């Protein structure tokens, strides 16, 4: 389909099989799966990052299997960029120290109608990463298409501009010329020392802008990944023991019907003896 005269396609499980572990690539282009099966993954023991999340393991696999001059472009969910769990931080540390040269932030909805998850593109180049102590960040707010399910073409797309800015930055690194004077409309160049300063290795470029206020980004997950789902009934309102010391806001589908937003907390939830109970109504 892509013009390869003799394509060689191998289908196997890269996360649990070691069959091709000793094979390396000069170029990798990938959009690995973001979802992990319930209970996580049980990978083989040759990964440098200990994790059970598919997106962490796939990025680790690709970074480890680049040849000495290898380069890669990998689409990743936002969890890779800022999540604070140990596996995510270890992965970012490894990327910053060994192969990461640029991060391109994409707007949420780029992959609609299939997924509304916000994504970024990691640009890896093992050879260039050794020539610079900086990483470039680019932010795309308009990819040339509307972010609705229909993805209709719109004006003002910024992907071509990012392509130009990224190419200029990589050429500067390739020529080992100082990048201190580079000013990009959509880009920001940050030192690896600054990224590593607090040990979190956050790859959200906006947090490194002068005067930036750090904000929290929320990611959507299926409810089944976050909690156990079970059936139950509301405790009797005649028994005070169910309605004392309410602390945790609790809402129902009815609360979010208008505009998809939580408009009111009708009750609060509290825990007694590790069992969830409902508490008195509040505004």
Protein backbone atom coordinates (compact mmCIF):
# COMPACT_ATOMS: atom_id res chain seq x y z
CA UNK A 1 0.00 0.00 0.00
CA UNK A 2 2.88 2.37 0.72
CA UNK A 3 5.04 1.54 -2.28
CA UNK A 4 7.41 -0.97 -0.67
CA UNK A 5 8.43 -3.45 -3.36
CA UNK A 6 9.26 -6.23 -0.92
CA UNK A 7 7.50 -5.52 2.39
CA UNK A 8 8.42 -7.80 5.26
CA UNK A 9 5.71 -8.00 7.88
CA UNK A 10 6.08 -9.99 11.10
CA UNK A 11 3.18 -10.40 13.50
CA UNK A 12 4.06 -11.28 17.08
CA UNK A 13 3.68 -9.98 20.62
CA UNK A 14 6.58 -7.61 21.25
CA UNK A 15 5.73 -7.25 24.94
CA UNK A 16 5.69 -10.88 26.01
CA UNK A 17 7.90 -12.48 23.34
CA UNK A 18 11.70 -12.16 23.21
CA UNK A 19 11.99 -13.63 19.68
CA UNK A 20 13.11 -10.38 18.04
CA UNK A 21 14.61 -8.60 21.05
CA UNK A 22 18.07 -8.46 19.45
CA UNK A 23 16.82 -6.81 16.25
CA UNK A 24 17.24 -3.03 15.88
CA UNK A 25 15.78 -0.41 13.53
CA UNK A 26 17.09 2.74 11.87
CA UNK A 27 13.63 4.32 11.58
CA UNK A 28 10.47 3.71 13.61
CA UNK A 29 7.07 5.33 12.98
CA UNK A 30 4.39 4.22 15.41
CA UNK A 31 0.99 4.82 16.91
CA UNK A 32 1.01 2.09 19.57
CA UNK A 33 -2.16 0.98 21.43
CA UNK A 34 -3.10 3.21 24.36
CA UNK A 35 -5.31 0.69 26.16
CA UNK A 36 -4.05 -2.02 28.49
CA UNK A 37 -6.09 -5.16 29.20
CA UNK A 38 -7.72 -5.44 32.59
CA UNK A 39 -5.10 -6.49 35.12
CA UNK A 40 -2.31 -5.01 33.01
CA UNK A 41 0.30 -6.83 30.94
CA UNK A 42 2.83 -9.43 32.03
CA UNK A 43 5.90 -8.50 29.97
CA UNK A 44 9.12 -10.45 29.74
CA UNK A 45 11.99 -9.33 31.95
CA UNK A 46 14.29 -7.63 29.43
CA UNK A 47 12.62 -4.22 29.54
CA UNK A 48 14.60 -1.52 31.33
CA UNK A 49 11.37 0.09 32.60
CA UNK A 50 9.24 -1.98 34.95
CA UNK A 51 5.62 -1.39 33.96
CA UNK A 52 2.34 -3.04 33.08
CA UNK A 53 0.89 -0.20 30.99
CA UNK A 54 0.98 -0.83 27.25
CA UNK A 55 1.91 2.74 26.25
CA UNK A 56 4.91 2.73 28.61
CA UNK A 57 6.15 -0.65 27.42
CA UNK A 58 5.74 0.13 23.71
CA UNK A 59 7.66 3.42 23.97
CA UNK A 60 10.36 1.70 26.04
CA UNK A 61 10.60 -1.08 23.45
CA UNK A 62 11.02 1.36 20.56
CA UNK A 63 13.54 3.56 22.36
CA UNK A 64 15.63 0.51 23.28
CA UNK A 65 15.50 -0.91 19.75
CA UNK A 66 16.80 2.06 17.80
CA UNK A 67 20.18 1.59 16.18
CA UNK A 68 22.98 3.99 17.27
CA UNK A 69 21.89 6.47 14.57
CA UNK A 70 18.22 5.49 14.75
CA UNK A 71 15.31 7.91 14.89
CA UNK A 72 11.63 7.58 15.68
CA UNK A 73 8.31 9.41 15.67
CA UNK A 74 5.88 7.99 18.23
CA UNK A 75 2.33 9.13 18.99
CA UNK A 76 1.63 8.84 22.72
CA UNK A 77 -1.26 9.66 25.08
CA UNK A 78 -0.79 12.51 27.56
CA UNK A 79 -0.08 10.07 30.41
CA UNK A 80 3.41 9.58 28.99
CA UNK A 81 3.96 13.34 29.15
CA UNK A 82 3.21 14.08 32.81
CA UNK A 83 1.92 11.12 34.87
CA UNK A 84 3.72 10.91 38.21
CA UNK A 85 3.84 7.14 38.71
CA UNK A 86 7.34 5.69 38.87
CA UNK A 87 7.17 3.86 35.52
CA UNK A 88 6.21 7.03 33.64
CA UNK A 89 8.94 9.09 35.33
CA UNK A 90 11.57 6.40 34.69
CA UNK A 91 10.55 6.26 31.03
CA UNK A 92 10.79 10.05 30.60
CA UNK A 93 14.17 10.11 32.34
CA UNK A 94 15.49 7.43 29.99
CA UNK A 95 14.16 9.29 26.93
CA UNK A 96 15.58 12.67 27.98
CA UNK A 97 18.99 11.19 28.73
CA UNK A 98 19.30 8.99 25.64
CA UNK A 99 17.20 9.86 22.62
CA UNK A 100 14.49 12.54 22.93
CA UNK A 101 15.02 15.65 20.79
CA UNK A 102 11.50 17.12 20.46
CA UNK A 103 7.89 16.86 21.66
CA UNK A 104 4.93 18.01 19.57
CA UNK A 105 1.73 18.57 21.55
CA UNK A 106 -1.46 17.90 19.57
CA UNK A 107 -4.97 19.10 20.47
CA UNK A 108 -7.51 16.70 21.95
CA UNK A 109 -9.75 15.28 19.24
CA UNK A 110 -7.12 14.84 16.50
CA UNK A 111 -8.03 11.15 16.28
CA UNK A 112 -11.80 11.59 16.33
CA UNK A 113 -14.11 9.86 15.66
CA UNK A 114 -12.04 6.95 16.96
CA UNK A 115 -10.63 8.57 20.10
CA UNK A 116 -10.81 11.96 21.79
CA UNK A 117 -7.70 11.34 23.91
CA UNK A 118 -5.16 14.18 23.84
CA UNK A 119 -1.89 13.06 22.30
CA UNK A 120 1.66 14.20 21.60
CA UNK A 121 4.38 13.09 19.21
CA UNK A 122 7.78 12.12 20.60
CA UNK A 123 10.68 12.70 18.19
CA UNK A 124 13.65 10.49 19.04
CA UNK A 125 17.11 10.61 17.44
CA UNK A 126 19.87 8.83 19.33
CA UNK A 127 22.70 10.50 17.42
CA UNK A 128 21.36 14.07 17.68
CA UNK A 129 20.39 13.66 21.33
CA UNK A 130 24.06 13.24 22.18
CA UNK A 131 24.93 16.54 20.47
CA UNK A 132 22.66 18.79 22.50
CA UNK A 133 21.68 19.47 26.09
CA UNK A 134 18.27 20.81 25.04
CA UNK A 135 14.86 19.54 23.90
CA UNK A 136 12.43 21.41 21.62
CA UNK A 137 8.71 21.63 22.41
CA UNK A 138 6.04 22.55 19.87
CA UNK A 139 2.35 23.16 20.50
CA UNK A 140 -0.25 22.58 17.77
CA UNK A 141 -3.67 24.06 18.50
CA UNK A 142 -5.03 23.68 14.96
CA UNK A 143 -4.09 20.70 12.78
CA UNK A 144 -6.17 21.94 9.84
CA UNK A 145 -9.35 20.05 10.72
CA UNK A 146 -12.23 20.68 13.09
CA UNK A 147 -12.06 18.68 16.30
CA UNK A 148 -15.60 17.31 16.04
CA UNK A 149 -16.47 13.79 14.97
CA UNK A 150 -16.69 14.81 11.29
CA UNK A 151 -13.17 16.33 11.23
CA UNK A 152 -14.04 18.87 8.54
CA UNK A 153 -11.17 20.84 7.00
CA UNK A 154 -10.65 24.31 8.48
CA UNK A 155 -8.24 27.17 7.84
CA UNK A 156 -5.25 28.07 9.99
CA UNK A 157 -3.60 24.64 10.24
CA UNK A 158 -0.24 24.76 12.04
CA UNK A 159 1.30 21.37 11.20
CA UNK A 160 3.30 22.70 8.23
CA UNK A 161 4.71 25.51 10.39
CA UNK A 162 5.75 23.03 13.07
CA UNK A 163 7.39 20.90 10.39
CA UNK A 164 9.47 23.89 9.28
CA UNK A 165 10.43 24.89 12.84
CA UNK A 166 11.33 21.30 13.80
CA UNK A 167 13.48 20.85 10.69
CA UNK A 168 15.32 24.11 11.44
CA UNK A 169 15.96 23.08 15.04
CA UNK A 170 17.24 19.62 14.07
CA UNK A 171 19.55 21.17 11.46
CA UNK A 172 21.00 23.51 14.09
CA UNK A 173 21.65 20.54 16.38
CA UNK A 174 23.10 18.54 13.48
CA UNK A 175 25.53 21.37 12.71
CA UNK A 176 26.27 21.81 16.42
CA UNK A 177 25.43 25.50 16.27
CA UNK A 178 24.06 27.27 19.35
CA UNK A 179 20.25 27.29 19.50
CA UNK A 180 20.13 30.13 22.04
CA UNK A 181 19.04 32.67 19.43
CA UNK A 182 16.30 30.53 17.89
CA UNK A 183 12.82 31.98 18.35
CA UNK A 184 9.87 29.95 17.09
CA UNK A 185 6.22 31.10 16.94
CA UNK A 186 5.05 27.63 17.94
CA UNK A 187 8.16 26.25 19.62
CA UNK A 188 10.15 26.50 22.82
CA UNK A 189 13.65 25.18 23.51
CA UNK A 190 14.31 23.96 27.05
CA UNK A 191 17.50 22.66 28.67
CA UNK A 192 17.56 19.04 29.83
CA UNK A 193 18.85 20.31 33.16
CA UNK A 194 15.68 22.33 33.67
CA UNK A 195 13.49 19.37 32.69
CA UNK A 196 15.30 17.12 35.16
CA UNK A 197 15.35 19.69 37.98
CA UNK A 198 12.60 18.24 40.20
CA UNK A 199 13.08 14.61 39.19
CA UNK A 200 9.68 14.41 37.48
CA UNK A 201 10.96 14.96 33.91
CA UNK A 202 7.64 16.52 32.89
CA UNK A 203 7.37 16.86 29.11
CA UNK A 204 4.61 19.49 29.02
CA UNK A 205 6.42 22.29 27.19
CA UNK A 206 4.07 25.04 28.37
CA UNK A 207 5.14 24.63 31.99
CA UNK A 208 8.63 25.83 31.06
CA UNK A 209 7.54 29.14 29.54
CA UNK A 210 8.49 32.25 31.48
CA UNK A 211 5.66 33.21 33.82
CA UNK A 212 3.72 30.01 33.10
CA UNK A 213 1.29 28.83 35.74
CA UNK A 214 1.28 25.07 36.14
CA UNK A 215 -2.14 23.54 35.63
CA UNK A 216 -3.59 20.08 35.97
CA UNK A 217 -4.61 18.12 32.88
CA UNK A 218 -7.30 15.49 33.19
CA UNK A 219 -7.37 12.33 31.11
CA UNK A 220 -10.43 10.22 30.35
CA UNK A 221 -10.38 6.55 31.34
CA UNK A 222 -13.07 3.87 31.26
CA UNK A 223 -14.70 3.68 34.70
CA UNK A 224 -13.84 -0.03 34.88
CA UNK A 225 -10.11 0.88 34.96
CA UNK A 226 -10.52 3.17 37.95
CA UNK A 227 -12.79 1.25 40.31
CA UNK A 228 -14.75 -1.89 40.96
CA UNK A 229 -18.33 -1.69 39.70
CA UNK A 230 -21.00 -3.33 41.85
CA UNK A 231 -24.71 -3.15 42.50
CA UNK A 232 -26.18 -1.90 45.76
CA UNK A 233 -28.99 0.08 47.31
CA UNK A 234 -29.22 3.44 49.08
CA UNK A 235 -29.03 3.04 52.89
CA UNK A 236 -32.17 3.92 54.74
CA UNK A 237 -32.50 7.64 55.49
CA UNK A 238 -34.06 6.70 58.81
CA UNK A 239 -30.71 5.40 60.12
CA UNK A 240 -28.39 8.25 61.15
CA UNK A 241 -25.30 6.04 61.09
CA UNK A 242 -25.40 6.12 57.30
CA UNK A 243 -25.60 9.91 57.09
CA UNK A 244 -22.93 11.14 59.53
CA UNK A 245 -19.54 12.70 58.74
CA UNK A 246 -20.09 12.95 54.99
CA UNK A 247 -16.87 13.94 53.19
CA UNK A 248 -16.80 12.57 49.64
CA UNK A 249 -19.00 14.18 46.92
CA UNK A 250 -21.24 11.64 45.19
CA UNK A 251 -23.36 12.15 42.09
CA UNK A 252 -25.59 10.21 39.72
CA UNK A 253 -26.22 10.25 35.98
CA UNK A 254 -29.09 12.63 36.69
CA UNK A 255 -26.57 15.21 37.96
CA UNK A 256 -24.67 15.38 34.65
CA UNK A 257 -27.50 15.29 32.14
CA UNK A 258 -27.40 19.00 31.33
CA UNK A 259 -24.49 19.76 29.03
CA UNK A 260 -22.44 16.80 30.23
CA UNK A 261 -21.30 18.65 33.34
CA UNK A 262 -21.79 17.95 37.03
CA UNK A 263 -24.31 20.61 38.03
CA UNK A 264 -25.03 19.65 41.63
CA UNK A 265 -24.04 17.15 44.31
CA UNK A 266 -27.25 15.69 45.70
CA UNK A 267 -25.55 13.56 48.33
CA UNK A 268 -22.17 12.84 49.81
CA UNK A 269 -20.47 9.51 50.25
CA UNK A 270 -18.48 8.31 53.25
CA UNK A 271 -16.80 5.07 54.24
CA UNK A 272 -17.45 3.04 57.36
CA UNK A 273 -15.62 -0.24 57.90
CA UNK A 274 -14.34 -0.03 54.30
CA UNK A 275 -17.89 -0.21 52.94
CA UNK A 276 -19.29 2.71 50.91
CA UNK A 277 -22.41 4.39 52.30
CA UNK A 278 -24.46 7.39 51.24
CA UNK A 279 -24.73 10.53 53.34
CA UNK A 280 -27.17 13.40 53.66
CA UNK A 281 -28.24 15.61 50.78
CA UNK A 282 -26.29 18.84 50.17
CA UNK A 283 -26.43 21.59 47.54
